[in-house]
Every structure is written in C-alpha cells, then in structure tokens.
Amino acid sequence: TQTAQNLERCFTRTNTYVGCVALPFMTPDNNYQVSELAAATATTFSLQAVPQGAQVQDTRCANFALNQANLRTVTGTLSATPQQCWGR
C-alpha cells in the first residue's frame, strides 16, 4: 500500500519507524479505514484496514493487516488462507 511505502521511505531516511507518520485514511471506495494497528517501534510497524459501512457484513475477510515484513493477514473466517482476501 501507499502508506506502507511511505513508512519504508521514512525508515530509509531515519533508520527507525518511530516518528514516521501513518495518518488514518479511508480507501477510495470508503469500504475500509486504514490506520496503524499499534505504535511503530524502531524496526516494526503494522497497518490495519477496518471494514466500514456495508463492508462490515463481509465476515470472510473482516480486518486486513500488513506489517513491515509484508506479512498480510485477515481476521475473518478466511484467516487461515488470507491470500484469498488479499488477492481480490
């Protein structure tokens, strides 16, 4: 995502994710709000996309998460096979 790329560029400049800003935003379709899941540490960050509006009804994927290692997860019923959600 663009936000993860911005965090990586900040890390490249400062050698830490601390102080790098990941402002919450809505996806263009307004189906998800993206924000930091937890405070960034020197070497880690985690972003979360939380469903909004009608998208809340889709319990297969539910929340999406992405971290600095590009690990992509979901919290819904497809959590064992998150690639089914991320590949859509």
C-alpha atoms as a PDB file:
ATOM      1  CA  THR A   1       0.000   0.000   0.000  1.00  0.00           C
ATOM      2  CA  GLN A   2       0.992   3.626  -0.376  1.00  0.00           C
ATOM      3  CA  THR A   3       1.053   4.072   3.397  1.00  0.00           C
ATOM      4  CA  ALA A   4       3.474   1.169   3.873  1.00  0.00           C
ATOM      5  CA  GLN A   5       5.710   2.620   1.147  1.00  0.00           C
ATOM      6  CA  ASN A   6       5.699   5.992   2.913  1.00  0.00           C
ATOM      7  CA  LEU A   7       6.697   4.290   6.169  1.00  0.00           C
ATOM      8  CA  GLU A   8       9.516   2.446   4.383  1.00  0.00           C
ATOM      9  CA  ARG A   9      10.811   5.698   2.861  1.00  0.00           C
ATOM     10  CA  CYS A  10      10.769   7.299   6.304  1.00  0.00           C
ATOM     11  CA  PHE A  11      12.673   4.312   7.721  1.00  0.00           C
ATOM     12  CA  THR A  12      15.268   4.633   4.951  1.00  0.00           C
ATOM     13  CA  ARG A  13      15.837   8.289   5.886  1.00  0.00           C
ATOM     14  CA  THR A  14      15.826   7.870   9.678  1.00  0.00           C
ATOM     15  CA  ASN A  15      16.707   4.186  10.292  1.00  0.00           C
ATOM     16  CA  THR A  16      13.613   3.847  12.528  1.00  0.00           C
ATOM     17  CA  TYR A  17       9.834   3.739  12.152  1.00  0.00           C
ATOM     18  CA  VAL A  18       9.436   5.763  15.359  1.00  0.00           C
ATOM     19  CA  GLY A  19       8.236   9.206  14.387  1.00  0.00           C
ATOM     20  CA  CYS A  20       7.135   8.094  10.942  1.00  0.00           C
ATOM     21  CA  VAL A  21       3.551   9.186  10.394  1.00  0.00           C
ATOM     22  CA  ALA A  22       0.832   6.896   9.076  1.00  0.00           C
ATOM     23  CA  LEU A  23      -2.267   9.062   9.030  1.00  0.00           C
ATOM     24  CA  PRO A  24      -5.605   7.239   9.092  1.00  0.00           C
ATOM     25  CA  PHE A  25      -7.497   7.411   5.808  1.00  0.00           C
ATOM     26  CA  MET A  26     -10.477   5.890   4.028  1.00  0.00           C
ATOM     27  CA  THR A  27      -9.955   3.746   0.954  1.00  0.00           C
ATOM     28  CA  PRO A  28     -11.235   5.370  -2.264  1.00  0.00           C
ATOM     29  CA  ASP A  29     -14.387   3.219  -2.168  1.00  0.00           C
ATOM     30  CA  ASN A  30     -14.964   4.133   1.533  1.00  0.00           C
ATOM     31  CA  ASN A  31     -15.133   0.420   2.416  1.00  0.00           C
ATOM     32  CA  TYR A  32     -12.133   0.432   4.795  1.00  0.00           C
ATOM     33  CA  GLN A  33     -10.418   2.798   7.191  1.00  0.00           C
ATOM     34  CA  VAL A  34      -6.654   2.263   7.226  1.00  0.00           C
ATOM     35  CA  SER A  35      -4.584   3.165  10.275  1.00  0.00           C
ATOM     36  CA  GLU A  36      -1.667   1.984  12.357  1.00  0.00           C
ATOM     37  CA  LEU A  37      -2.577  -1.089  14.384  1.00  0.00           C
ATOM     38  CA  ALA A  38      -0.072  -0.307  17.101  1.00  0.00           C
ATOM     39  CA  ALA A  39       2.645   2.233  17.710  1.00  0.00           C
ATOM     40  CA  ALA A  40       5.604   1.704  15.446  1.00  0.00           C
ATOM     41  CA  THR A  41       8.852   0.589  17.027  1.00  0.00           C
ATOM     42  CA  ALA A  42      12.344   1.187  15.706  1.00  0.00           C
ATOM     43  CA  THR A  43      12.105  -1.878  13.462  1.00  0.00           C
ATOM     44  CA  THR A  44       8.404  -2.717  13.109  1.00  0.00           C
ATOM     45  CA  PHE A  45       5.073  -1.308  12.044  1.00  0.00           C
ATOM     46  CA  SER A  46       1.639  -2.767  11.496  1.00  0.00           C
ATOM     47  CA  LEU A  47      -1.203  -1.268   9.470  1.00  0.00           C
ATOM     48  CA  GLN A  48      -4.825  -2.295   9.774  1.00  0.00           C
ATOM     49  CA  ALA A  49      -7.783  -1.842   7.433  1.00  0.00           C
ATOM     50  CA  VAL A  50     -11.120  -1.983   9.269  1.00  0.00           C
ATOM     51  CA  PRO A  51     -14.315  -2.505   7.258  1.00  0.00           C
ATOM     52  CA  GLN A  52     -16.828   0.325   7.155  1.00  0.00           C
ATOM     53  CA  GLY A  53     -20.481   0.580   6.167  1.00  0.00           C
ATOM     54  CA  ALA A  54     -21.870  -2.355   4.208  1.00  0.00           C
ATOM     55  CA  GLN A  55     -18.394  -3.953   4.072  1.00  0.00           C
ATOM     56  CA  VAL A  56     -18.783  -4.862   7.765  1.00  0.00           C
ATOM     57  CA  GLN A  57     -21.133  -7.645   6.622  1.00  0.00           C
ATOM     58  CA  ASP A  58     -18.261  -9.468   4.862  1.00  0.00           C
ATOM     59  CA  THR A  59     -17.035 -11.692   7.692  1.00  0.00           C
ATOM     60  CA  ARG A  60     -14.850 -13.797   5.390  1.00  0.00           C
ATOM     61  CA  CYS A  61     -12.010 -11.277   5.393  1.00  0.00           C
ATOM     62  CA  ALA A  62     -13.027  -8.775   8.122  1.00  0.00           C
ATOM     63  CA  ASN A  63      -9.933  -6.726   9.137  1.00  0.00           C
ATOM     64  CA  PHE A  64      -6.831  -6.704   6.961  1.00  0.00           C
ATOM     65  CA  ALA A  65      -3.347  -6.186   8.435  1.00  0.00           C
ATOM     66  CA  LEU A  66       0.048  -5.575   6.844  1.00  0.00           C
ATOM     67  CA  ASN A  67       3.401  -5.297   8.609  1.00  0.00           C
ATOM     68  CA  GLN A  68       6.948  -4.210   7.757  1.00  0.00           C
ATOM     69  CA  ALA A  69       7.818  -7.740   6.583  1.00  0.00           C
ATOM     70  CA  ASN A  70       4.900  -7.576   4.109  1.00  0.00           C
ATOM     71  CA  LEU A  71       3.053 -10.215   6.140  1.00  0.00           C
ATOM     72  CA  ARG A  72      -0.593  -9.943   5.074  1.00  0.00           C
ATOM     73  CA  THR A  73      -3.269 -11.273   7.400  1.00  0.00           C
ATOM     74  CA  VAL A  74      -7.027 -11.083   7.895  1.00  0.00           C
ATOM     75  CA  THR A  75      -9.179 -11.669  10.975  1.00  0.00           C
ATOM     76  CA  GLY A  76     -12.254 -13.177   9.330  1.00  0.00           C
ATOM     77  CA  THR A  77     -13.237 -16.759   8.624  1.00  0.00           C
ATOM     78  CA  LEU A  78     -10.591 -16.933   5.869  1.00  0.00           C
ATOM     79  CA  SER A  79      -7.773 -16.133   8.327  1.00  0.00           C
ATOM     80  CA  ALA A  80      -6.079 -19.476   7.576  1.00  0.00           C
ATOM     81  CA  THR A  81      -5.917 -18.557   3.881  1.00  0.00           C
ATOM     82  CA  PRO A  82      -5.537 -14.757   3.789  1.00  0.00           C
ATOM     83  CA  GLN A  83      -4.313 -14.792   0.188  1.00  0.00           C
ATOM     84  CA  GLN A  84      -7.938 -15.410  -0.826  1.00  0.00           C
ATOM     85  CA  CYS A  85      -8.804 -11.983   0.578  1.00  0.00           C
ATOM     86  CA  TRP A  86      -5.683 -10.109  -0.455  1.00  0.00           C
ATOM     87  CA  GLY A  87      -5.876 -11.493  -3.996  1.00  0.00           C
ATOM     88  CA  ARG A  88      -9.288  -9.997  -4.679  1.00  0.00           C
END
